[in-house]
Amino acid sequence: MRIAVIGAGLAGLACAAALQAAGASVTLFDKARGAGGRLSTRRIDTPSGEASFDHGAQYFTAHDPAFQAEIDRWAALGLAAPWPAAGADAWVGTPTMNAPARQLASGLDVHLSSRIDALRRNAEPDPAWWLRIDPDEHGPFDAVVVAVPAEQAAPLLEPWDSDFADLAGGTRSRACWTVMVAFGTGLSETSDVLQHHGPIGWAARNSAKPGRTGPESWVIQAEADWSDAHLENRADTVLAELLAAFEQAPGVDLPAPLAATAHRWRYARSGDAGKGSLWNARLGLGVCGDWLLGPRVECAWLSGTRLAASMLAGPA
């Protein structure tokens, strides 16, 4: 089978890896400059050296034995380690959050900076799929997997499966404004994690995570309600407001930053459609992503692997 996967976040990568391991020819396309989706790491040069920020998912946990086995595999490869500051069952990628995703992507054919505008499918007797990256098309493919946030999946799915499109359209994400800030000195009186302080939902000393190097670095993420309300604000305005809120937290005395920036995640926290994954065998059209199971890293991986299993199972 020749399979195209749209989206190289963890769901798409997990699905592609399982399909390729079973002998399929898989090509991934992602609009970003790197694989991993919200398992993201940003690097910023400062006068004290390069600072790194896990500015998407902060950590991951495992409830399902299959995902725990995957974490154990990552840990054996030096790609994951426990992070007790976030909880007894919390893990992070090492030396950066996107390390497990990069390892998955390394064995796959991934096309980055490739935004898919539309899908086209030939009529019988040769019902092959083609993917449009304006003005070009890529194909042919026997099947297509859509592994992007629900809001981006809906318009791709609408011409082909209205039930899939309606489910995606009705499963909304929450936004998140995220601040990344580095300092030349440590915030010694502050714990490594701060939660629920004013507009701040979560703040963490990123440089204290296992395997990190570089100057003192913090990731500050706003509450979902605040992020939604300020979604279209200027990044510099959001940066100033969240840094001011952070400075008001107990025990926080901020030195002058070495570097600071803000990033808007428009689709940060997924919804939960309660479906696991979607597979239309007649069309050769599949859908996976955390929005089908819930807003956790584990859910993205499970959705991708479950879709691959459905695709490989063949006709019922």
Protein backbone atom coordinates (compact mmCIF):
# COMPACT_ATOMS: atom_id res chain seq x y z
CA MET A 1 0.00 0.00 0.00
CA ARG A 2 1.06 3.56 -0.76
CA ILE A 3 -0.17 5.72 2.11
CA ALA A 4 -0.01 9.49 2.65
CA VAL A 5 -0.17 10.85 6.19
CA ILE A 6 -1.09 14.52 6.59
CA GLY A 7 0.43 15.74 9.84
CA ALA A 8 3.72 14.70 11.47
CA GLY A 9 2.69 15.20 15.07
CA LEU A 10 2.84 12.22 17.40
CA ALA A 11 -0.42 10.70 16.11
CA GLY A 12 0.69 10.83 12.48
CA LEU A 13 4.19 9.60 13.31
CA ALA A 14 2.89 6.68 15.40
CA CYS A 15 0.45 5.68 12.67
CA ALA A 16 3.09 5.95 9.95
CA ALA A 17 5.68 3.99 11.92
CA ALA A 18 3.25 1.11 12.53
CA LEU A 19 2.16 1.04 8.89
CA GLN A 20 5.73 1.12 7.61
CA ALA A 21 6.74 -1.66 10.01
CA ALA A 22 4.01 -3.79 8.40
CA GLY A 23 5.42 -3.17 4.93
CA ALA A 24 3.45 -0.17 3.68
CA SER A 25 5.10 2.66 1.74
CA VAL A 26 4.35 5.78 3.79
CA THR A 27 4.94 9.46 3.03
CA LEU A 28 4.21 12.18 5.61
CA PHE A 29 3.48 15.85 4.93
CA ASP A 30 3.51 18.61 7.56
CA LYS A 31 3.18 22.37 7.27
CA ALA A 32 5.70 22.98 10.06
CA ARG A 33 9.49 23.18 9.84
CA GLY A 34 9.93 20.18 12.14
CA ALA A 35 8.12 16.99 13.11
CA GLY A 36 6.48 16.46 16.48
CA GLY A 37 3.54 18.88 16.55
CA ARG A 38 2.94 19.99 20.13
CA LEU A 39 5.90 17.90 21.29
CA SER A 40 7.86 21.01 20.43
CA THR A 41 11.12 22.59 21.52
CA ARG A 42 12.20 26.15 20.70
CA ARG A 43 15.85 27.19 20.91
CA ILE A 44 16.90 30.82 21.41
CA ASP A 45 20.44 32.23 21.46
CA THR A 46 21.24 34.36 24.52
CA PRO A 47 24.41 36.08 25.85
CA SER A 48 24.73 33.12 28.26
CA GLY A 49 24.38 30.45 25.61
CA GLU A 50 21.50 28.71 23.88
CA ALA A 51 18.29 28.39 25.90
CA SER A 52 15.75 25.68 25.07
CA PHE A 53 12.03 25.70 25.81
CA ASP A 54 9.51 22.88 25.64
CA HIS A 55 6.80 25.33 24.69
CA GLY A 56 4.09 22.82 23.75
CA ALA A 57 3.32 19.73 25.83
CA GLN A 58 5.07 19.99 29.17
CA TYR A 59 5.17 16.31 30.13
CA PHE A 60 3.35 13.05 29.44
CA THR A 61 1.89 10.20 31.47
CA ALA A 62 0.79 6.67 30.63
CA HIS A 63 -2.49 5.01 31.58
CA ASP A 64 -2.44 2.41 28.81
CA PRO A 65 0.10 -0.46 29.02
CA ALA A 66 0.92 -0.13 25.32
CA PHE A 67 1.94 3.50 25.71
CA GLN A 68 3.90 2.71 28.87
CA ALA A 69 5.81 0.12 26.85
CA GLU A 70 6.56 2.82 24.27
CA ILE A 71 7.80 5.18 26.99
CA ASP A 72 10.00 2.37 28.33
CA ARG A 73 11.45 1.97 24.83
CA TRP A 74 12.14 5.70 24.64
CA ALA A 75 13.77 5.62 28.07
CA ALA A 76 16.02 2.72 27.04
CA LEU A 77 17.16 4.81 24.08
CA GLY A 78 17.86 7.82 26.32
CA LEU A 79 14.91 9.73 24.81
CA ALA A 80 12.73 10.02 27.94
CA ALA A 81 13.14 10.34 31.69
CA PRO A 82 10.88 10.83 34.73
CA TRP A 83 10.26 14.40 35.90
CA PRO A 84 9.00 14.21 39.51
CA ALA A 85 8.40 17.96 39.74
CA ALA A 86 5.30 17.51 37.57
CA GLY A 87 4.06 14.38 39.36
CA ALA A 88 5.10 10.89 40.34
CA ASP A 89 4.07 9.51 36.94
CA ALA A 90 5.31 12.39 34.76
CA TRP A 91 7.84 11.88 31.96
CA VAL A 92 9.59 14.24 29.57
CA GLY A 93 11.55 13.76 26.39
CA THR A 94 15.33 14.05 26.75
CA PRO A 95 17.32 16.08 26.06
CA THR A 96 14.30 17.95 24.66
CA MET A 97 10.58 17.20 24.59
CA ASN A 98 10.60 16.50 20.86
CA ALA A 99 13.34 13.83 21.09
CA PRO A 100 10.92 10.85 20.88
CA ALA A 101 9.13 12.40 17.90
CA ARG A 102 12.41 13.08 16.14
CA GLN A 103 13.43 9.46 16.63
CA LEU A 104 10.16 8.24 15.11
CA ALA A 105 10.51 10.67 12.21
CA SER A 106 14.11 9.66 11.49
CA GLY A 107 13.01 6.39 9.93
CA LEU A 108 10.17 7.87 7.88
CA ASP A 109 9.81 9.85 4.64
CA VAL A 110 8.72 13.23 6.05
CA HIS A 111 8.13 16.31 3.87
CA LEU A 112 8.20 19.46 6.01
CA SER A 113 6.98 22.97 5.15
CA SER A 114 4.33 21.20 3.05
CA ARG A 115 0.80 22.47 3.69
CA ILE A 116 -1.85 20.25 2.09
CA ASP A 117 -4.61 22.43 0.60
CA ALA A 118 -7.01 19.75 -0.64
CA LEU A 119 -7.46 16.08 -1.48
CA ARG A 120 -8.47 14.64 -4.84
CA ARG A 121 -9.49 11.06 -5.55
CA ASN A 122 -9.67 9.49 -9.00
CA ALA A 123 -12.88 7.82 -10.05
CA GLU A 124 -13.09 4.05 -10.55
CA PRO A 125 -11.43 1.92 -11.83
CA ASP A 126 -8.28 3.64 -10.50
CA PRO A 127 -9.43 5.38 -7.27
CA ALA A 128 -6.05 6.80 -6.29
CA TRP A 129 -5.62 9.74 -3.94
CA TRP A 130 -3.71 12.92 -4.79
CA LEU A 131 -2.64 15.65 -2.35
CA ARG A 132 -2.47 19.27 -3.45
CA ILE A 133 0.31 21.56 -2.29
CA ASP A 134 -0.65 24.54 -4.40
CA PRO A 135 0.06 24.54 -7.30
CA ASP A 136 1.42 20.97 -7.36
CA GLU A 137 -0.09 17.56 -6.62
CA HIS A 138 1.56 14.59 -4.93
CA GLY A 139 0.51 10.99 -5.48
CA PRO A 140 -0.85 8.56 -6.32
CA PHE A 141 -1.70 7.01 -2.94
CA ASP A 142 -3.93 4.06 -2.06
CA ALA A 143 -4.98 5.59 1.25
CA VAL A 144 -4.78 8.90 3.10
CA VAL A 145 -4.51 9.54 6.83
CA VAL A 146 -5.53 12.95 8.17
CA ALA A 147 -3.63 13.53 11.43
CA VAL A 148 -4.09 17.24 12.13
CA PRO A 149 -6.17 19.20 14.69
CA ALA A 150 -9.93 18.88 14.31
CA GLU A 151 -10.34 22.42 12.99
CA GLN A 152 -7.85 21.72 10.20
CA ALA A 153 -9.16 18.22 9.50
CA ALA A 154 -12.78 19.23 8.88
CA PRO A 155 -12.31 21.07 5.54
CA LEU A 156 -10.06 18.30 4.17
CA LEU A 157 -12.62 15.65 5.09
CA GLU A 158 -15.82 17.45 4.07
CA PRO A 159 -15.80 16.52 0.34
CA TRP A 160 -15.24 12.83 1.11
CA ASP A 161 -16.91 11.80 4.39
CA SER A 162 -19.44 14.21 5.87
CA ASP A 163 -19.75 12.19 9.10
CA PHE A 164 -16.00 12.45 9.72
CA ALA A 165 -16.08 16.15 8.85
CA ASP A 166 -19.05 16.85 11.13
CA LEU A 167 -17.33 15.09 14.03
CA ALA A 168 -14.18 17.14 13.50
CA GLY A 169 -16.16 20.35 13.11
CA GLY A 170 -17.94 19.72 16.40
CA THR A 171 -14.80 18.93 18.41
CA ARG A 172 -13.20 22.22 19.26
CA SER A 173 -9.73 22.95 20.66
CA ARG A 174 -8.73 25.51 23.28
CA ALA A 175 -6.00 28.07 22.67
CA CYS A 176 -2.88 28.68 24.73
CA TRP A 177 -0.56 31.68 24.83
CA THR A 178 2.92 30.57 25.88
CA VAL A 179 5.81 32.76 27.05
CA MET A 180 9.42 31.62 26.86
CA VAL A 181 11.91 33.58 28.96
CA ALA A 182 15.59 33.04 29.86
CA PHE A 183 17.55 34.66 32.70
CA GLY A 184 21.23 35.06 33.48
CA THR A 185 20.68 34.05 37.13
CA GLY A 186 18.48 31.42 38.71
CA LEU A 187 15.17 32.03 40.48
CA SER A 188 16.42 30.18 43.55
CA GLU A 189 13.44 30.84 45.83
CA THR A 190 10.91 29.54 43.33
CA SER A 191 9.76 25.92 42.96
CA ASP A 192 10.20 24.30 39.56
CA VAL A 193 6.46 24.32 38.83
CA LEU A 194 3.85 27.02 39.44
CA GLN A 195 0.16 26.47 38.64
CA HIS A 196 -3.03 28.54 38.58
CA HIS A 197 -1.86 32.02 39.46
CA GLY A 198 -3.96 34.75 37.89
CA PRO A 199 -3.94 34.29 34.11
CA ILE A 200 -1.15 31.70 34.39
CA GLY A 201 -2.26 28.11 34.19
CA TRP A 202 1.22 26.60 34.28
CA ALA A 203 4.78 27.82 34.62
CA ALA A 204 7.83 25.55 34.74
CA ARG A 205 11.58 25.89 35.05
CA ASN A 206 12.41 24.21 31.76
CA SER A 207 16.14 24.17 32.52
CA ALA A 208 15.45 21.94 35.56
CA LYS A 209 14.07 19.10 33.44
CA PRO A 210 16.30 16.02 33.01
CA GLY A 211 19.04 16.39 30.41
CA ARG A 212 18.65 20.13 29.90
CA THR A 213 21.58 22.51 29.57
CA GLY A 214 21.94 26.25 29.11
CA PRO A 215 20.78 29.25 31.13
CA GLU A 216 17.80 29.46 33.47
CA SER A 217 14.75 29.12 31.23
CA TRP A 218 11.03 29.22 31.98
CA VAL A 219 7.90 28.31 30.05
CA ILE A 220 4.78 30.19 31.16
CA GLN A 221 1.43 29.09 29.75
CA ALA A 222 -1.80 31.03 30.16
CA GLU A 223 -5.11 29.56 31.27
CA ALA A 224 -7.37 28.43 28.43
CA ASP A 225 -10.08 31.00 29.18
CA TRP A 226 -7.52 33.83 29.24
CA SER A 227 -5.89 32.58 26.05
CA ASP A 228 -9.23 32.37 24.24
CA ALA A 229 -10.16 35.87 25.39
CA HIS A 230 -6.80 37.31 24.28
CA LEU A 231 -6.34 35.13 21.20
CA GLU A 232 -5.88 37.99 18.74
CA ASN A 233 -3.75 40.21 21.00
CA ARG A 234 -0.27 41.24 19.91
CA ALA A 235 2.47 38.89 21.07
CA ASP A 236 4.41 41.69 22.80
CA THR A 237 1.31 42.68 24.78
CA VAL A 238 0.73 39.10 25.90
CA LEU A 239 4.41 38.76 26.81
CA ALA A 240 4.29 41.82 29.06
CA GLU A 241 1.05 40.76 30.78
CA LEU A 242 2.13 37.20 31.52
CA LEU A 243 5.58 38.26 32.76
CA ALA A 244 3.91 40.81 35.06
CA ALA A 245 1.60 38.10 36.39
CA PHE A 246 4.55 35.74 36.91
CA GLU A 247 6.43 38.40 38.88
CA GLN A 248 3.46 38.67 41.25
CA ALA A 249 3.62 34.97 42.15
CA PRO A 250 4.86 34.05 45.65
CA GLY A 251 8.64 33.85 45.87
CA VAL A 252 9.27 35.19 42.37
CA ASP A 253 11.75 38.04 41.99
CA LEU A 254 12.53 38.40 38.30
CA PRO A 255 15.94 39.56 37.10
CA ALA A 256 16.19 41.24 33.72
CA PRO A 257 15.54 38.64 30.99
CA LEU A 258 18.26 37.57 28.59
CA ALA A 259 15.60 36.74 26.01
CA ALA A 260 11.81 36.54 25.98
CA THR A 261 9.15 35.79 23.41
CA ALA A 262 5.52 34.68 23.21
CA HIS A 263 3.96 31.98 21.03
CA ARG A 264 0.27 31.48 20.29
CA TRP A 265 -0.98 27.90 20.09
CA ARG A 266 -4.35 28.31 18.39
CA TYR A 267 -5.13 24.61 18.79
CA ALA A 268 -3.35 23.77 22.03
CA ARG A 269 -5.72 21.63 24.07
CA SER A 270 -7.79 19.27 21.96
CA GLY A 271 -11.36 18.25 22.51
CA ASP A 272 -12.43 14.63 23.04
CA ALA A 273 -14.68 13.03 20.41
CA GLY A 274 -14.51 9.67 22.19
CA LYS A 275 -13.82 7.72 18.99
CA GLY A 276 -10.20 6.57 19.17
CA SER A 277 -9.67 6.75 15.40
CA LEU A 278 -11.73 6.76 12.20
CA TRP A 279 -11.31 4.52 9.16
CA ASN A 280 -13.38 4.49 5.97
CA ALA A 281 -12.15 1.33 4.27
CA ARG A 282 -14.26 1.92 1.13
CA LEU A 283 -12.52 5.21 0.43
CA GLY A 284 -9.16 4.43 2.02
CA LEU A 285 -9.51 7.45 4.29
CA GLY A 286 -8.41 7.49 7.94
CA VAL A 287 -8.32 10.04 10.73
CA CYS A 288 -6.27 10.06 13.93
CA GLY A 289 -5.26 12.60 16.55
CA ASP A 290 -5.57 13.41 20.23
CA TRP A 291 -8.91 15.16 19.55
CA LEU A 292 -10.45 11.74 18.98
CA LEU A 293 -9.48 10.51 22.46
CA GLY A 294 -8.52 13.42 24.71
CA PRO A 295 -5.98 16.19 25.30
CA ARG A 296 -2.96 14.12 26.31
CA VAL A 297 0.23 13.03 24.57
CA GLU A 298 -0.75 9.43 25.24
CA CYS A 299 -4.04 9.92 23.38
CA ALA A 300 -2.26 11.08 20.23
CA TRP A 301 0.00 8.01 20.21
CA LEU A 302 -2.88 5.63 20.94
CA SER A 303 -5.06 7.14 18.22
CA GLY A 304 -2.32 6.77 15.63
CA THR A 305 -1.47 3.19 16.51
CA ARG A 306 -5.14 2.17 16.66
CA LEU A 307 -5.80 3.62 13.22
CA ALA A 308 -2.83 1.73 11.81
CA ALA A 309 -4.21 -1.50 13.29
CA SER A 310 -7.62 -0.86 11.68
CA MET A 311 -6.03 -0.15 8.31
CA LEU A 312 -3.90 -3.28 8.45
CA ALA A 313 -6.76 -5.52 9.56
CA GLY A 314 -8.36 -5.40 6.10
CA PRO A 315 -12.06 -6.06 5.41
CA ALA A 316 -14.10 -7.22 8.40
